[in-house]
Amino acid sequence: MALPSAFLPASFDGRRPIALIAGQGVYPMIIAAAVRAAGIPLKLVAFEEETRPELVASFSRQDHRVFKVGQLGHMLDALKEFDAGYAIMAGQITPRRLFKGLHPDLKATRILFSLKRRNAETIFGAIAKEIEALGVTLLDARAFMDEHLATAGCMTGRKFPIDAEYVDHGIQIARECARLDIGQGCVVRKGTVLAVEAFEGTDEMLRRAGGFKTDEALFVKTVKTRQDWRFDVPCFGLRTLETMREAHLGAAALEAGKVILLEKPAVLAQAKSWGISLLGFE
């Protein structure tokens, strides 16, 4: 029987429950709908002030748990209670919560003190080890999102407005920033770097870039050289598109097969309506 997603392991057993570890936004909701449509048992780990209430409400009381960000021990206990065979992380946790507003329990505190570098990659990497130590397989975060990935070529159906040499420059800068673990995006214009993404996130970077001359500017989104696909997969959605419009940025290049376009049909339709061009590059 064919697997419901190309990003699932060959050994995937659809009879075992998947625990959805859900952060912000629509991403976890798309995952939940796809898993349910595939007939796979689904449980939910949600976080106060992060996970959408309507997603939580769609689960029965016995099939979900809600915690404060940082209550790692409780989350691990929930995975055991669910008898989960798999877990999938979807949706961002507010970056500032990694440093302010965190409520670490003893398990999380021990992990934080053991890390020499504290960033999304090291923290979520350590959490991934704890999850898999339970015998729970942490899935590729692109699982069930096959139809929402960027595809090669101009996805908005017309000639891409940025010259190839400037696209190549933007890709080079974005990949170098990703390699150095600075961020996964940048904005360039005619060979000049206007802004690079760092801890503040994509939207704030786009707003900063909007303070410069933006005709023929290009937003580029890529992935890390050694991307851990279990978490921190770059996404592009309607909110990012709205921010581009506010910043007067008319073009974006997204790495094909790797960047997720949340609600892809709606994103492409809105981009066309606003005259924003979206390119998938390889």
C-alpha atoms as a PDB file:
ATOM      1  CA  MET A   1       0.000   0.000   0.000  1.00  0.00           C
ATOM      2  CA  ALA A   2       1.322   3.435  -0.948  1.00  0.00           C
ATOM      3  CA  LEU A   3       2.247   5.728   1.922  1.00  0.00           C
ATOM      4  CA  PRO A   4       0.119   8.890   2.288  1.00  0.00           C
ATOM      5  CA  SER A   5       3.243  11.080   2.064  1.00  0.00           C
ATOM      6  CA  ALA A   6       6.615  10.765   0.346  1.00  0.00           C
ATOM      7  CA  PHE A   7       8.275  12.037   3.527  1.00  0.00           C
ATOM      8  CA  LEU A   8       7.241   9.136   5.733  1.00  0.00           C
ATOM      9  CA  PRO A   9       9.734   6.344   6.522  1.00  0.00           C
ATOM     10  CA  ALA A  10       9.332   3.119   4.554  1.00  0.00           C
ATOM     11  CA  SER A  11       8.576   1.311   7.822  1.00  0.00           C
ATOM     12  CA  PHE A  12       5.685   3.656   8.699  1.00  0.00           C
ATOM     13  CA  ASP A  13       2.778   1.872  10.412  1.00  0.00           C
ATOM     14  CA  GLY A  14      -0.493   3.753   9.947  1.00  0.00           C
ATOM     15  CA  ARG A  15      -2.072   1.886  12.864  1.00  0.00           C
ATOM     16  CA  ARG A  16       0.183   3.615  15.395  1.00  0.00           C
ATOM     17  CA  PRO A  17      -0.933   7.046  16.645  1.00  0.00           C
ATOM     18  CA  ILE A  18       0.844  10.200  15.540  1.00  0.00           C
ATOM     19  CA  ALA A  19       1.277  12.886  18.200  1.00  0.00           C
ATOM     20  CA  LEU A  20       1.092  16.337  16.637  1.00  0.00           C
ATOM     21  CA  ILE A  21       3.268  18.773  18.622  1.00  0.00           C
ATOM     22  CA  ALA A  22       1.599  21.982  17.552  1.00  0.00           C
ATOM     23  CA  GLY A  23       2.897  25.527  17.632  1.00  0.00           C
ATOM     24  CA  GLN A  24       1.373  28.611  16.039  1.00  0.00           C
ATOM     25  CA  GLY A  25      -0.617  29.189  12.898  1.00  0.00           C
ATOM     26  CA  VAL A  26      -2.297  27.153  10.204  1.00  0.00           C
ATOM     27  CA  TYR A  27       0.560  24.680   9.619  1.00  0.00           C
ATOM     28  CA  PRO A  28      -0.503  22.273  12.425  1.00  0.00           C
ATOM     29  CA  MET A  29      -4.116  22.506  11.238  1.00  0.00           C
ATOM     30  CA  ILE A  30      -3.153  21.422   7.711  1.00  0.00           C
ATOM     31  CA  ILE A  31      -1.177  18.495   9.150  1.00  0.00           C
ATOM     32  CA  ALA A  32      -4.086  17.472  11.371  1.00  0.00           C
ATOM     33  CA  ALA A  33      -6.543  17.502   8.463  1.00  0.00           C
ATOM     34  CA  ALA A  34      -4.208  15.424   6.279  1.00  0.00           C
ATOM     35  CA  VAL A  35      -3.502  12.823   8.986  1.00  0.00           C
ATOM     36  CA  ARG A  36      -7.204  12.468   9.717  1.00  0.00           C
ATOM     37  CA  ALA A  37      -8.008  12.154   6.005  1.00  0.00           C
ATOM     38  CA  ALA A  38      -5.472   9.300   5.812  1.00  0.00           C
ATOM     39  CA  GLY A  39      -7.300   7.489   8.611  1.00  0.00           C
ATOM     40  CA  ILE A  40      -4.317   7.521  10.981  1.00  0.00           C
ATOM     41  CA  PRO A  41      -4.950   7.878  14.750  1.00  0.00           C
ATOM     42  CA  LEU A  42      -4.011  11.390  15.851  1.00  0.00           C
ATOM     43  CA  LYS A  43      -3.205  12.925  19.242  1.00  0.00           C
ATOM     44  CA  LEU A  44      -2.326  16.542  20.092  1.00  0.00           C
ATOM     45  CA  VAL A  45       0.291  18.219  22.258  1.00  0.00           C
ATOM     46  CA  ALA A  46      -0.605  21.924  22.436  1.00  0.00           C
ATOM     47  CA  PHE A  47       0.929  24.952  24.127  1.00  0.00           C
ATOM     48  CA  GLU A  48      -0.730  27.803  25.993  1.00  0.00           C
ATOM     49  CA  GLU A  49      -0.772  31.102  24.034  1.00  0.00           C
ATOM     50  CA  GLU A  50       0.721  29.360  20.981  1.00  0.00           C
ATOM     51  CA  THR A  51      -1.521  26.636  19.528  1.00  0.00           C
ATOM     52  CA  ARG A  52      -4.751  27.793  17.900  1.00  0.00           C
ATOM     53  CA  PRO A  53      -7.736  27.187  20.225  1.00  0.00           C
ATOM     54  CA  GLU A  54      -9.847  25.833  17.356  1.00  0.00           C
ATOM     55  CA  LEU A  55      -7.307  23.085  16.753  1.00  0.00           C
ATOM     56  CA  VAL A  56      -7.356  22.113  20.427  1.00  0.00           C
ATOM     57  CA  ALA A  57     -11.166  22.112  20.380  1.00  0.00           C
ATOM     58  CA  SER A  58     -11.196  19.639  17.488  1.00  0.00           C
ATOM     59  CA  PHE A  59      -9.717  16.920  19.744  1.00  0.00           C
ATOM     60  CA  SER A  60     -11.521  14.987  22.450  1.00  0.00           C
ATOM     61  CA  ARG A  61     -10.373  15.451  26.036  1.00  0.00           C
ATOM     62  CA  GLN A  62      -8.509  12.138  26.113  1.00  0.00           C
ATOM     63  CA  ASP A  63      -6.735  12.827  22.816  1.00  0.00           C
ATOM     64  CA  HIS A  64      -5.002  16.095  23.681  1.00  0.00           C
ATOM     65  CA  ARG A  65      -2.880  17.755  26.338  1.00  0.00           C
ATOM     66  CA  VAL A  66      -2.084  21.464  26.766  1.00  0.00           C
ATOM     67  CA  PHE A  67       1.120  22.652  28.434  1.00  0.00           C
ATOM     68  CA  LYS A  68       3.118  25.799  29.011  1.00  0.00           C
ATOM     69  CA  VAL A  69       6.153  26.205  26.762  1.00  0.00           C
ATOM     70  CA  GLY A  70       9.050  24.497  28.509  1.00  0.00           C
ATOM     71  CA  GLN A  71       7.151  21.725  30.297  1.00  0.00           C
ATOM     72  CA  LEU A  72       9.150  19.054  28.517  1.00  0.00           C
ATOM     73  CA  GLY A  73       8.725  16.366  31.163  1.00  0.00           C
ATOM     74  CA  HIS A  74       4.938  16.684  30.951  1.00  0.00           C
ATOM     75  CA  MET A  75       5.084  16.518  27.158  1.00  0.00           C
ATOM     76  CA  LEU A  76       7.153  13.330  27.244  1.00  0.00           C
ATOM     77  CA  ASP A  77       4.720  11.819  29.730  1.00  0.00           C
ATOM     78  CA  ALA A  78       1.860  12.656  27.360  1.00  0.00           C
ATOM     79  CA  LEU A  79       3.586  10.869  24.470  1.00  0.00           C
ATOM     80  CA  LYS A  80       3.847   7.768  26.656  1.00  0.00           C
ATOM     81  CA  GLU A  81       0.187   8.060  27.712  1.00  0.00           C
ATOM     82  CA  PHE A  82      -0.834   8.338  24.064  1.00  0.00           C
ATOM     83  CA  ASP A  83       1.239   5.236  23.195  1.00  0.00           C
ATOM     84  CA  ALA A  84       2.405   7.294  20.216  1.00  0.00           C
ATOM     85  CA  GLY A  85       4.439   5.538  17.548  1.00  0.00           C
ATOM     86  CA  TYR A  86       5.319   8.808  15.874  1.00  0.00           C
ATOM     87  CA  ALA A  87       5.449  12.530  16.571  1.00  0.00           C
ATOM     88  CA  ILE A  88       5.580  15.492  14.232  1.00  0.00           C
ATOM     89  CA  MET A  89       6.488  19.089  15.088  1.00  0.00           C
ATOM     90  CA  ALA A  90       4.541  21.742  13.197  1.00  0.00           C
ATOM     91  CA  GLY A  91       4.209  25.476  13.729  1.00  0.00           C
ATOM     92  CA  GLN A  92       6.540  28.018  15.251  1.00  0.00           C
ATOM     93  CA  ILE A  93       6.921  28.742  18.950  1.00  0.00           C
ATOM     94  CA  THR A  94       7.400  32.480  19.556  1.00  0.00           C
ATOM     95  CA  PRO A  95      11.222  32.885  19.375  1.00  0.00           C
ATOM     96  CA  ARG A  96      11.429  35.155  22.418  1.00  0.00           C
ATOM     97  CA  ARG A  97       9.952  32.355  24.546  1.00  0.00           C
ATOM     98  CA  LEU A  98      13.236  30.492  24.209  1.00  0.00           C
ATOM     99  CA  PHE A  99      14.712  33.195  26.453  1.00  0.00           C
ATOM    100  CA  LYS A 100      11.806  35.040  28.106  1.00  0.00           C
ATOM    101  CA  GLY A 101       8.460  33.632  29.186  1.00  0.00           C
ATOM    102  CA  LEU A 102       9.770  30.067  29.261  1.00  0.00           C
ATOM    103  CA  HIS A 103       8.453  27.774  32.015  1.00  0.00           C
ATOM    104  CA  PRO A 104      11.073  25.020  32.138  1.00  0.00           C
ATOM    105  CA  ASP A 105      10.438  21.971  34.285  1.00  0.00           C
ATOM    106  CA  LEU A 106      13.315  19.896  35.674  1.00  0.00           C
ATOM    107  CA  LYS A 107      13.770  17.956  32.424  1.00  0.00           C
ATOM    108  CA  ALA A 108      13.926  21.133  30.333  1.00  0.00           C
ATOM    109  CA  THR A 109      16.198  22.867  32.843  1.00  0.00           C
ATOM    110  CA  ARG A 110      18.724  20.021  32.683  1.00  0.00           C
ATOM    111  CA  ILE A 111      18.726  20.169  28.888  1.00  0.00           C
ATOM    112  CA  LEU A 112      19.143  23.951  28.778  1.00  0.00           C
ATOM    113  CA  PHE A 113      22.086  23.860  31.172  1.00  0.00           C
ATOM    114  CA  SER A 114      23.751  21.140  29.076  1.00  0.00           C
ATOM    115  CA  LEU A 115      23.724  23.235  25.873  1.00  0.00           C
ATOM    116  CA  LYS A 116      26.727  25.367  25.000  1.00  0.00           C
ATOM    117  CA  ARG A 117      24.701  27.151  22.306  1.00  0.00           C
ATOM    118  CA  ARG A 118      21.050  28.006  22.804  1.00  0.00           C
ATOM    119  CA  ASN A 119      19.162  28.472  19.575  1.00  0.00           C
ATOM    120  CA  ALA A 120      16.199  26.807  17.883  1.00  0.00           C
ATOM    121  CA  GLU A 121      18.378  24.104  16.332  1.00  0.00           C
ATOM    122  CA  THR A 122      20.182  23.063  19.514  1.00  0.00           C
ATOM    123  CA  ILE A 123      17.099  23.255  21.750  1.00  0.00           C
ATOM    124  CA  PHE A 124      14.784  21.365  19.410  1.00  0.00           C
ATOM    125  CA  GLY A 125      17.569  18.928  18.578  1.00  0.00           C
ATOM    126  CA  ALA A 126      17.899  18.082  22.265  1.00  0.00           C
ATOM    127  CA  ILE A 127      14.115  17.703  22.558  1.00  0.00           C
ATOM    128  CA  ALA A 128      14.151  15.385  19.539  1.00  0.00           C
ATOM    129  CA  LYS A 129      16.644  13.100  21.305  1.00  0.00           C
ATOM    130  CA  GLU A 130      14.384  12.901  24.348  1.00  0.00           C
ATOM    131  CA  ILE A 131      11.364  12.042  22.178  1.00  0.00           C
ATOM    132  CA  GLU A 132      13.164   9.326  20.249  1.00  0.00           C
ATOM    133  CA  ALA A 133      14.585   7.879  23.476  1.00  0.00           C
ATOM    134  CA  LEU A 134      10.973   6.901  24.262  1.00  0.00           C
ATOM    135  CA  GLY A 135      10.842   4.814  21.088  1.00  0.00           C
ATOM    136  CA  VAL A 136       8.763   7.483  19.330  1.00  0.00           C
ATOM    137  CA  THR A 137       9.882   8.274  15.779  1.00  0.00           C
ATOM    138  CA  LEU A 138      10.013  12.022  15.136  1.00  0.00           C
ATOM    139  CA  LEU A 139       8.832  12.472  11.556  1.00  0.00           C
ATOM    140  CA  ASP A 140      10.064  14.774   8.820  1.00  0.00           C
ATOM    141  CA  ALA A 141       8.091  17.995   9.295  1.00  0.00           C
ATOM    142  CA  ARG A 142       7.228  17.953   5.586  1.00  0.00           C
ATOM    143  CA  ALA A 143       5.221  14.744   6.060  1.00  0.00           C
ATOM    144  CA  PHE A 144       1.652  15.163   4.788  1.00  0.00           C
ATOM    145  CA  MET A 145       2.635  18.548   3.286  1.00  0.00           C
ATOM    146  CA  ASP A 146       3.637  17.188  -0.150  1.00  0.00           C
ATOM    147  CA  GLU A 147       1.137  19.335  -2.060  1.00  0.00           C
ATOM    148  CA  HIS A 148       2.198  22.493  -0.213  1.00  0.00           C
ATOM    149  CA  LEU A 149       5.882  22.542  -1.153  1.00  0.00           C
ATOM    150  CA  ALA A 150       7.426  25.114  -3.476  1.00  0.00           C
ATOM    151  CA  THR A 151       7.895  23.744  -7.007  1.00  0.00           C
ATOM    152  CA  ALA A 152      10.540  24.663  -9.594  1.00  0.00           C
ATOM    153  CA  GLY A 153       9.825  27.559 -11.942  1.00  0.00           C
ATOM    154  CA  CYS A 154       7.677  30.657 -11.698  1.00  0.00           C
ATOM    155  CA  MET A 155       4.730  29.471  -9.624  1.00  0.00           C
ATOM    156  CA  THR A 156       2.662  32.583 -10.285  1.00  0.00           C
ATOM    157  CA  GLY A 157       2.454  31.781 -13.988  1.00  0.00           C
ATOM    158  CA  ARG A 158       4.317  34.582 -15.676  1.00  0.00           C
ATOM    159  CA  LYS A 159       7.884  35.575 -16.428  1.00  0.00           C
ATOM    160  CA  PHE A 160       9.835  36.157 -13.257  1.00  0.00           C
ATOM    161  CA  PRO A 161      10.724  39.873 -13.099  1.00  0.00           C
ATOM    162  CA  ILE A 162      14.224  39.595 -11.534  1.00  0.00           C
ATOM    163  CA  ASP A 163      17.268  38.998 -13.755  1.00  0.00           C
ATOM    164  CA  ALA A 164      18.864  35.562 -13.342  1.00  0.00           C
ATOM    165  CA  GLU A 165      22.189  36.999 -12.163  1.00  0.00           C
ATOM    166  CA  TYR A 166      20.489  38.813  -9.294  1.00  0.00           C
ATOM    167  CA  VAL A 167      18.470  35.707  -8.397  1.00  0.00           C
ATOM    168  CA  ASP A 168      21.706  33.718  -8.267  1.00  0.00           C
ATOM    169  CA  HIS A 169      23.278  36.365  -6.047  1.00  0.00           C
ATOM    170  CA  GLY A 170      20.337  36.238  -3.653  1.00  0.00           C
ATOM    171  CA  ILE A 171      20.470  32.438  -3.494  1.00  0.00           C
ATOM    172  CA  GLN A 172      24.194  32.565  -2.766  1.00  0.00           C
ATOM    173  CA  ILE A 173      23.716  35.046   0.092  1.00  0.00           C
ATOM    174  CA  ALA A 174      20.763  33.125   1.583  1.00  0.00           C
ATOM    175  CA  ARG A 175      22.635  29.815   1.466  1.00  0.00           C
ATOM    176  CA  GLU A 176      25.711  31.330   3.069  1.00  0.00           C
ATOM    177  CA  CYS A 177      23.609  32.841   5.872  1.00  0.00           C
ATOM    178  CA  ALA A 178      21.988  29.433   6.380  1.00  0.00           C
ATOM    179  CA  ARG A 179      25.382  27.710   6.425  1.00  0.00           C
ATOM    180  CA  LEU A 180      26.557  30.100   9.152  1.00  0.00           C
ATOM    181  CA  ASP A 181      23.310  29.475  11.092  1.00  0.00           C
ATOM    182  CA  ILE A 182      22.369  33.165  10.937  1.00  0.00           C
ATOM    183  CA  GLY A 183      18.995  32.634   9.312  1.00  0.00           C
ATOM    184  CA  GLN A 184      17.323  31.129   6.269  1.00  0.00           C
ATOM    185  CA  GLY A 185      16.405  34.206   4.258  1.00  0.00           C
ATOM    186  CA  CYS A 186      17.616  37.505   2.869  1.00  0.00           C
ATOM    187  CA  VAL A 187      16.479  40.416   0.715  1.00  0.00           C
ATOM    188  CA  VAL A 188      18.737  41.606  -2.108  1.00  0.00           C
ATOM    189  CA  ARG A 189      18.443  44.238  -4.823  1.00  0.00           C
ATOM    190  CA  LYS A 190      20.600  44.344  -7.965  1.00  0.00           C
ATOM    191  CA  GLY A 191      23.573  42.693  -6.268  1.00  0.00           C
ATOM    192  CA  THR A 192      23.224  44.535  -2.948  1.00  0.00           C
ATOM    193  CA  VAL A 193      22.157  42.888   0.299  1.00  0.00           C
ATOM    194  CA  LEU A 194      19.358  44.902   1.914  1.00  0.00           C
ATOM    195  CA  ALA A 195      18.644  42.621   4.890  1.00  0.00           C
ATOM    196  CA  VAL A 196      19.357  39.161   6.248  1.00  0.00           C
ATOM    197  CA  GLU A 197      17.121  37.112   8.522  1.00  0.00           C
ATOM    198  CA  ALA A 198      18.310  36.456  12.052  1.00  0.00           C
ATOM    199  CA  PHE A 199      16.609  35.844  15.401  1.00  0.00           C
ATOM    200  CA  GLU A 200      13.844  38.381  14.750  1.00  0.00           C
ATOM    201  CA  GLY A 201      12.301  36.197  12.021  1.00  0.00           C
ATOM    202  CA  THR A 202      11.172  36.626   8.431  1.00  0.00           C
ATOM    203  CA  ASP A 203       8.489  39.271   8.821  1.00  0.00           C
ATOM    204  CA  GLU A 204      10.687  41.707  10.743  1.00  0.00           C
ATOM    205  CA  MET A 205      13.461  41.246   8.174  1.00  0.00           C
ATOM    206  CA  LEU A 206      11.027  42.074   5.370  1.00  0.00           C
ATOM    207  CA  ARG A 207       9.867  45.202   7.178  1.00  0.00           C
ATOM    208  CA  ARG A 208      13.471  46.360   7.604  1.00  0.00           C
ATOM    209  CA  ALA A 209      14.151  45.774   3.920  1.00  0.00           C
ATOM    210  CA  GLY A 210      11.060  47.801   3.083  1.00  0.00           C
ATOM    211  CA  GLY A 211      12.793  50.878   4.462  1.00  0.00           C
ATOM    212  CA  PHE A 212      15.111  50.899   1.424  1.00  0.00           C
ATOM    213  CA  LYS A 213      14.484  51.319  -2.280  1.00  0.00           C
ATOM    214  CA  THR A 214      12.621  48.114  -3.157  1.00  0.00           C
ATOM    215  CA  ASP A 215      11.968  48.177  -6.894  1.00  0.00           C
ATOM    216  CA  GLU A 216      13.530  44.977  -8.291  1.00  0.00           C
ATOM    217  CA  ALA A 217      14.206  43.732  -4.753  1.00  0.00           C
ATOM    218  CA  LEU A 218      14.062  40.004  -4.135  1.00  0.00           C
ATOM    219  CA  PHE A 219      13.268  37.981  -1.012  1.00  0.00           C
ATOM    220  CA  VAL A 220      15.046  34.582  -0.967  1.00  0.00           C
ATOM    221  CA  LYS A 221      14.157  31.710   1.381  1.00  0.00           C
ATOM    222  CA  THR A 222      16.314  28.596   1.598  1.00  0.00           C
ATOM    223  CA  VAL A 223      17.234  25.836   4.056  1.00  0.00           C
ATOM    224  CA  LYS A 224      20.307  25.091   6.116  1.00  0.00           C
ATOM    225  CA  THR A 225      23.148  23.105   4.580  1.00  0.00           C
ATOM    226  CA  ARG A 226      22.525  20.309   7.067  1.00  0.00           C
ATOM    227  CA  GLN A 227      18.842  20.874   7.615  1.00  0.00           C
ATOM    228  CA  ASP A 228      17.231  18.705  10.289  1.00  0.00           C
ATOM    229  CA  TRP A 229      13.906  18.047   8.617  1.00  0.00           C
ATOM    230  CA  ARG A 230      12.278  17.056  11.885  1.00  0.00           C
ATOM    231  CA  PHE A 231      11.929  20.705  12.879  1.00  0.00           C
ATOM    232  CA  ASP A 232      12.556  24.290  11.768  1.00  0.00           C
ATOM    233  CA  VAL A 233      11.399  23.726   8.172  1.00  0.00           C
ATOM    234  CA  PRO A 234      11.033  27.150   6.492  1.00  0.00           C
ATOM    235  CA  CYS A 235       7.498  28.210   5.647  1.00  0.00           C
ATOM    236  CA  PHE A 236       5.922  30.890   3.463  1.00  0.00           C
ATOM    237  CA  GLY A 237       2.267  31.748   3.953  1.00  0.00           C
ATOM    238  CA  LEU A 238      -0.356  34.436   3.602  1.00  0.00           C
ATOM    239  CA  ARG A 239       1.036  36.438   6.523  1.00  0.00           C
ATOM    240  CA  THR A 240       4.472  36.585   4.905  1.00  0.00           C
ATOM    241  CA  LEU A 241       2.872  37.549   1.606  1.00  0.00           C
ATOM    242  CA  GLU A 242       0.972  40.367   3.340  1.00  0.00           C
ATOM    243  CA  THR A 243       4.215  41.589   4.922  1.00  0.00           C
ATOM    244  CA  MET A 244       5.897  41.595   1.503  1.00  0.00           C
ATOM    245  CA  ARG A 245       3.073  43.696   0.142  1.00  0.00           C
ATOM    246  CA  GLU A 246       3.337  46.181   3.030  1.00  0.00           C
ATOM    247  CA  ALA A 247       7.101  46.403   2.450  1.00  0.00           C
ATOM    248  CA  HIS A 248       6.595  46.933  -1.308  1.00  0.00           C
ATOM    249  CA  LEU A 249       8.518  43.773  -2.197  1.00  0.00           C
ATOM    250  CA  GLY A 250       7.297  42.244  -5.434  1.00  0.00           C
ATOM    251  CA  ALA A 251       9.272  39.015  -5.819  1.00  0.00           C
ATOM    252  CA  ALA A 252      10.351  35.996  -3.791  1.00  0.00           C
ATOM    253  CA  ALA A 253      12.469  32.939  -4.601  1.00  0.00           C
ATOM    254  CA  LEU A 254      11.799  29.817  -2.509  1.00  0.00           C
ATOM    255  CA  GLU A 255      13.796  26.586  -2.565  1.00  0.00           C
ATOM    256  CA  ALA A 256      11.740  23.957  -4.396  1.00  0.00           C
ATOM    257  CA  GLY A 257      10.805  20.809  -2.517  1.00  0.00           C
ATOM    258  CA  LYS A 258      12.072  22.283   0.742  1.00  0.00           C
ATOM    259  CA  VAL A 259      10.151  25.468   1.579  1.00  0.00           C
ATOM    260  CA  ILE A 260       6.513  24.906   2.570  1.00  0.00           C
ATOM    261  CA  LEU A 261       3.851  27.190   1.090  1.00  0.00           C
ATOM    262  CA  LEU A 262       1.150  27.089   3.725  1.00  0.00           C
ATOM    263  CA  GLU A 263      -2.271  26.958   2.027  1.00  0.00           C
ATOM    264  CA  LYS A 264      -0.462  26.917  -1.308  1.00  0.00           C
ATOM    265  CA  PRO A 265      -3.483  27.481  -3.626  1.00  0.00           C
ATOM    266  CA  ALA A 266      -4.572  30.512  -1.592  1.00  0.00           C
ATOM    267  CA  VAL A 267      -1.022  31.904  -1.446  1.00  0.00           C
ATOM    268  CA  LEU A 268      -0.547  31.634  -5.213  1.00  0.00           C
ATOM    269  CA  ALA A 269      -3.954  33.164  -5.944  1.00  0.00           C
ATOM    270  CA  GLN A 270      -3.314  36.090  -3.589  1.00  0.00           C
ATOM    271  CA  ALA A 271       0.197  36.626  -4.948  1.00  0.00           C
ATOM    272  CA  LYS A 272      -1.172  36.863  -8.490  1.00  0.00           C
ATOM    273  CA  SER A 273      -3.866  39.289  -7.323  1.00  0.00           C
ATOM    274  CA  TRP A 274      -1.272  41.557  -5.711  1.00  0.00           C
ATOM    275  CA  GLY A 275       1.243  41.255  -8.555  1.00  0.00           C
ATOM    276  CA  ILE A 276       3.824  39.447  -6.425  1.00  0.00           C
ATOM    277  CA  SER A 277       5.927  36.885  -8.312  1.00  0.00           C
ATOM    278  CA  LEU A 278       6.984  33.620  -6.664  1.00  0.00           C
ATOM    279  CA  LEU A 279       9.800  31.499  -8.055  1.00  0.00           C
ATOM    280  CA  GLY A 280      10.843  28.000  -7.040  1.00  0.00           C
ATOM    281  CA  PHE A 281      14.576  27.370  -7.411  1.00  0.00           C
ATOM    282  CA  GLU A 282      16.641  24.188  -7.143  1.00  0.00           C
END
